């Protein structure tokens, strides 16, 4: 499994230092863009300038995600992820930018109804909920449907996720802060057999 570091809850004043410290240590950085986020593409551009060895994934958790693809791909996102409901409009647009296209699904979504989009995406991000068993079942079903890559955000039962065939996990600042960032990444590698970049 690979470790993706969430930048969502990292304070703006320390974000650059975190990216510098973990570039090449973590497989990638995950930036969740929701309605009302003010920095948007400018933040992506700033992170992209610093993250030269790790992948930058941007989740456009927006009602008009398909319309925002161009701005975020142009800003330097390596992976642009959109809600599965917008896949039909967004995936061709993402492909036109020659960046990887991702879909986000929630634990418990009807995956069979969107299986063709799951197979067309370069990766699928499972946004886990309060029930880790539902998150693991969703990830397992994505693997069965032939998803190219499955990454889970919101569940750190690493051994269960590894058994389900998950490719990576997104970890946030609270998890990283408990033991110290580098120690937490090392622990994730050990516990889930998370592979370093390269």
Protein backbone atom coordinates (compact mmCIF):
# COMPACT_ATOMS: atom_id res chain seq x y z
CA UNK A 1 0.00 0.00 0.00
CA UNK A 2 1.01 3.57 -0.58
CA UNK A 3 0.63 6.50 1.80
CA UNK A 4 -1.07 9.70 0.62
CA UNK A 5 -0.86 12.65 3.01
CA UNK A 6 -3.97 14.81 3.33
CA UNK A 7 -3.31 18.53 3.27
CA UNK A 8 -6.87 19.39 4.32
CA UNK A 9 -6.27 20.07 8.00
CA UNK A 10 -2.69 21.30 7.79
CA UNK A 11 -2.37 24.96 8.86
CA UNK A 12 -1.38 27.24 5.99
CA UNK A 13 1.71 28.44 7.88
CA UNK A 14 3.21 24.93 8.06
CA UNK A 15 1.93 23.47 4.80
CA UNK A 16 5.06 24.24 2.80
CA UNK A 17 7.34 22.69 5.42
CA UNK A 18 5.20 19.55 5.54
CA UNK A 19 5.34 19.17 1.75
CA UNK A 20 9.11 19.73 1.78
CA UNK A 21 9.62 17.11 4.53
CA UNK A 22 7.41 14.44 2.95
CA UNK A 23 8.12 14.95 -0.75
CA UNK A 24 9.39 11.56 -1.87
CA UNK A 25 8.62 9.98 1.52
CA UNK A 26 4.87 9.82 0.98
CA UNK A 27 3.66 8.49 -2.36
CA UNK A 28 1.51 11.56 -2.76
CA UNK A 29 -0.35 14.51 -1.34
CA UNK A 30 -4.14 14.68 -1.26
CA UNK A 31 -5.92 18.03 -1.41
CA UNK A 32 -9.68 18.07 -0.82
CA UNK A 33 -11.31 21.08 -2.48
CA UNK A 34 -14.83 21.81 -1.25
CA UNK A 35 -17.34 24.58 -1.83
CA UNK A 36 -16.10 27.88 -0.45
CA UNK A 37 -12.38 27.06 -0.57
CA UNK A 38 -10.68 30.33 -1.36
CA UNK A 39 -7.21 29.34 -2.52
CA UNK A 40 -8.14 26.59 -4.97
CA UNK A 41 -5.87 26.46 -8.01
CA UNK A 42 -3.36 28.83 -6.40
CA UNK A 43 -2.79 26.36 -3.56
CA UNK A 44 -2.41 23.51 -6.06
CA UNK A 45 0.17 25.57 -7.96
CA UNK A 46 2.11 26.26 -4.74
CA UNK A 47 2.11 22.60 -3.64
CA UNK A 48 3.02 21.42 -7.14
CA UNK A 49 6.05 23.72 -7.15
CA UNK A 50 7.35 22.05 -3.96
CA UNK A 51 6.26 18.44 -4.51
CA UNK A 52 8.70 17.31 -7.18
CA UNK A 53 8.88 13.60 -6.25
CA UNK A 54 5.41 12.86 -4.86
CA UNK A 55 2.12 12.81 -6.74
CA UNK A 56 -0.46 15.57 -6.16
CA UNK A 57 -4.08 14.41 -6.12
CA UNK A 58 -6.88 16.97 -6.02
CA UNK A 59 -10.40 15.90 -5.06
CA UNK A 60 -12.91 18.35 -6.51
CA UNK A 61 -15.77 17.79 -4.07
CA UNK A 62 -17.91 20.39 -5.84
CA UNK A 63 -21.31 20.48 -7.50
CA UNK A 64 -19.61 21.75 -10.66
CA UNK A 65 -16.46 19.60 -10.47
CA UNK A 66 -16.48 18.83 -14.20
CA UNK A 67 -16.42 22.56 -14.95
CA UNK A 68 -13.46 23.06 -12.58
CA UNK A 69 -11.23 20.35 -14.07
CA UNK A 70 -9.39 22.71 -16.43
CA UNK A 71 -8.34 25.13 -13.70
CA UNK A 72 -6.94 22.43 -11.41
CA UNK A 73 -5.26 20.40 -14.13
CA UNK A 74 -3.60 23.57 -15.44
CA UNK A 75 -2.45 24.41 -11.91
CA UNK A 76 -0.43 21.19 -11.71
CA UNK A 77 -2.56 18.39 -10.29
CA UNK A 78 -1.21 14.97 -11.27
CA UNK A 79 -4.55 13.31 -10.48
CA UNK A 80 -7.90 15.10 -10.67
CA UNK A 81 -10.61 13.26 -8.74
CA UNK A 82 -14.32 14.02 -9.11
CA UNK A 83 -17.51 12.60 -7.58
CA UNK A 84 -18.68 9.51 -9.47
CA UNK A 85 -21.96 11.26 -10.34
CA UNK A 86 -19.97 13.66 -12.56
CA UNK A 87 -17.77 11.02 -14.21
CA UNK A 88 -19.47 11.15 -17.60
CA UNK A 89 -18.68 14.83 -18.08
CA UNK A 90 -15.42 15.00 -16.14
CA UNK A 91 -13.34 11.96 -17.16
CA UNK A 92 -13.03 12.95 -20.86
CA UNK A 93 -12.11 16.47 -19.78
CA UNK A 94 -9.45 15.15 -17.41
CA UNK A 95 -8.05 12.84 -20.09
CA UNK A 96 -7.68 15.81 -22.46
CA UNK A 97 -5.18 17.28 -19.98
CA UNK A 98 -3.10 14.07 -19.93
CA UNK A 99 -3.39 13.77 -16.17
CA UNK A 100 -4.81 10.81 -14.27
CA UNK A 101 -8.56 10.81 -13.73
CA UNK A 102 -10.01 9.70 -10.43
CA UNK A 103 -13.47 9.12 -9.04
CA UNK A 104 -14.64 9.50 -5.47
CA UNK A 105 -17.26 7.19 -4.02
CA UNK A 106 -18.74 6.93 -0.56
CA UNK A 107 -18.92 3.77 1.47
CA UNK A 108 -22.21 2.13 0.60
CA UNK A 109 -22.63 3.68 -2.89
CA UNK A 110 -24.22 1.47 -5.56
CA UNK A 111 -21.01 0.56 -7.36
CA UNK A 112 -22.59 -1.84 -9.81
CA UNK A 113 -24.61 1.05 -11.29
CA UNK A 114 -21.40 2.98 -12.03
CA UNK A 115 -19.10 0.03 -12.82
CA UNK A 116 -18.29 1.34 -16.32
CA UNK A 117 -17.01 4.61 -14.81
CA UNK A 118 -15.04 2.70 -12.16
CA UNK A 119 -13.24 0.72 -14.86
CA UNK A 120 -12.61 3.86 -16.96
CA UNK A 121 -10.96 5.82 -14.13
CA UNK A 122 -7.26 5.67 -13.32
CA UNK A 123 -8.07 5.48 -9.62
CA UNK A 124 -11.03 5.41 -7.26
CA UNK A 125 -10.98 7.15 -3.90
CA UNK A 126 -13.25 5.68 -1.24
CA UNK A 127 -14.38 8.37 1.18
CA UNK A 128 -14.87 6.30 4.30
CA UNK A 129 -17.53 6.92 6.85
CA UNK A 130 -18.20 6.01 10.46
CA UNK A 131 -18.49 2.30 9.66
CA UNK A 132 -15.06 0.87 8.78
CA UNK A 133 -16.64 -2.44 7.70
CA UNK A 134 -18.73 -0.62 5.07
CA UNK A 135 -15.60 1.21 3.88
CA UNK A 136 -13.68 -2.07 3.57
CA UNK A 137 -16.60 -3.73 1.74
CA UNK A 138 -16.77 -0.82 -0.71
CA UNK A 139 -13.03 -1.05 -1.37
CA UNK A 140 -13.27 -4.82 -1.84
CA UNK A 141 -16.11 -4.41 -4.35
CA UNK A 142 -14.12 -1.83 -6.32
CA UNK A 143 -11.25 -4.30 -6.61
CA UNK A 144 -13.71 -6.98 -7.79
CA UNK A 145 -15.11 -4.58 -10.41
CA UNK A 146 -11.62 -4.05 -11.83
CA UNK A 147 -10.73 -0.58 -10.57
CA UNK A 148 -7.20 0.28 -11.71
CA UNK A 149 -6.24 1.66 -8.28
CA UNK A 150 -8.21 1.90 -5.04
CA UNK A 151 -7.26 4.44 -2.36
CA UNK A 152 -9.15 4.78 0.93
CA UNK A 153 -9.58 7.98 2.92
CA UNK A 154 -11.04 7.75 6.41
CA UNK A 155 -10.15 4.21 7.46
CA UNK A 156 -6.83 3.04 8.85
CA UNK A 157 -7.55 -0.63 9.47
CA UNK A 158 -4.55 -1.32 7.27
CA UNK A 159 -4.41 -5.08 7.44
CA UNK A 160 -8.10 -5.40 6.51
CA UNK A 161 -7.62 -2.91 3.68
CA UNK A 162 -4.56 -4.82 2.45
CA UNK A 163 -6.59 -8.04 2.45
CA UNK A 164 -9.28 -6.23 0.43
CA UNK A 165 -6.67 -5.37 -2.22
CA UNK A 166 -6.48 -1.63 -1.53
CA UNK A 167 -3.54 0.16 -3.16
CA UNK A 168 -3.23 3.12 -0.77
CA UNK A 169 -4.56 5.10 2.15
CA UNK A 170 -4.94 8.82 2.80
CA UNK A 171 -3.74 9.91 6.23
CA UNK A 172 -4.37 13.29 7.79
CA UNK A 173 -2.53 15.68 10.04
CA UNK A 174 -4.08 14.34 13.28
CA UNK A 175 -2.75 10.83 12.57
CA UNK A 176 0.62 12.20 11.52
CA UNK A 177 0.88 14.46 14.57
CA UNK A 178 0.39 11.66 17.11
CA UNK A 179 3.79 10.06 16.60
CA UNK A 180 5.50 12.69 14.51
CA UNK A 181 5.14 12.80 10.75
CA UNK A 182 8.11 10.69 9.66
CA UNK A 183 7.47 8.11 12.39
CA UNK A 184 3.82 7.87 11.39
CA UNK A 185 4.73 7.25 7.74
CA UNK A 186 7.26 4.60 8.82
CA UNK A 187 4.60 2.96 11.01
CA UNK A 188 2.13 2.97 8.12
CA UNK A 189 4.68 1.32 5.86
CA UNK A 190 5.25 -1.38 8.41
CA UNK A 191 1.64 -1.96 9.47
CA UNK A 192 0.14 -1.97 6.00
CA UNK A 193 3.27 -2.86 4.15
CA UNK A 194 3.09 0.59 2.58
CA UNK A 195 5.75 0.87 -0.10
CA UNK A 196 8.04 3.88 -0.44
CA UNK A 197 8.09 5.84 -3.67
CA UNK A 198 10.29 4.35 -6.35
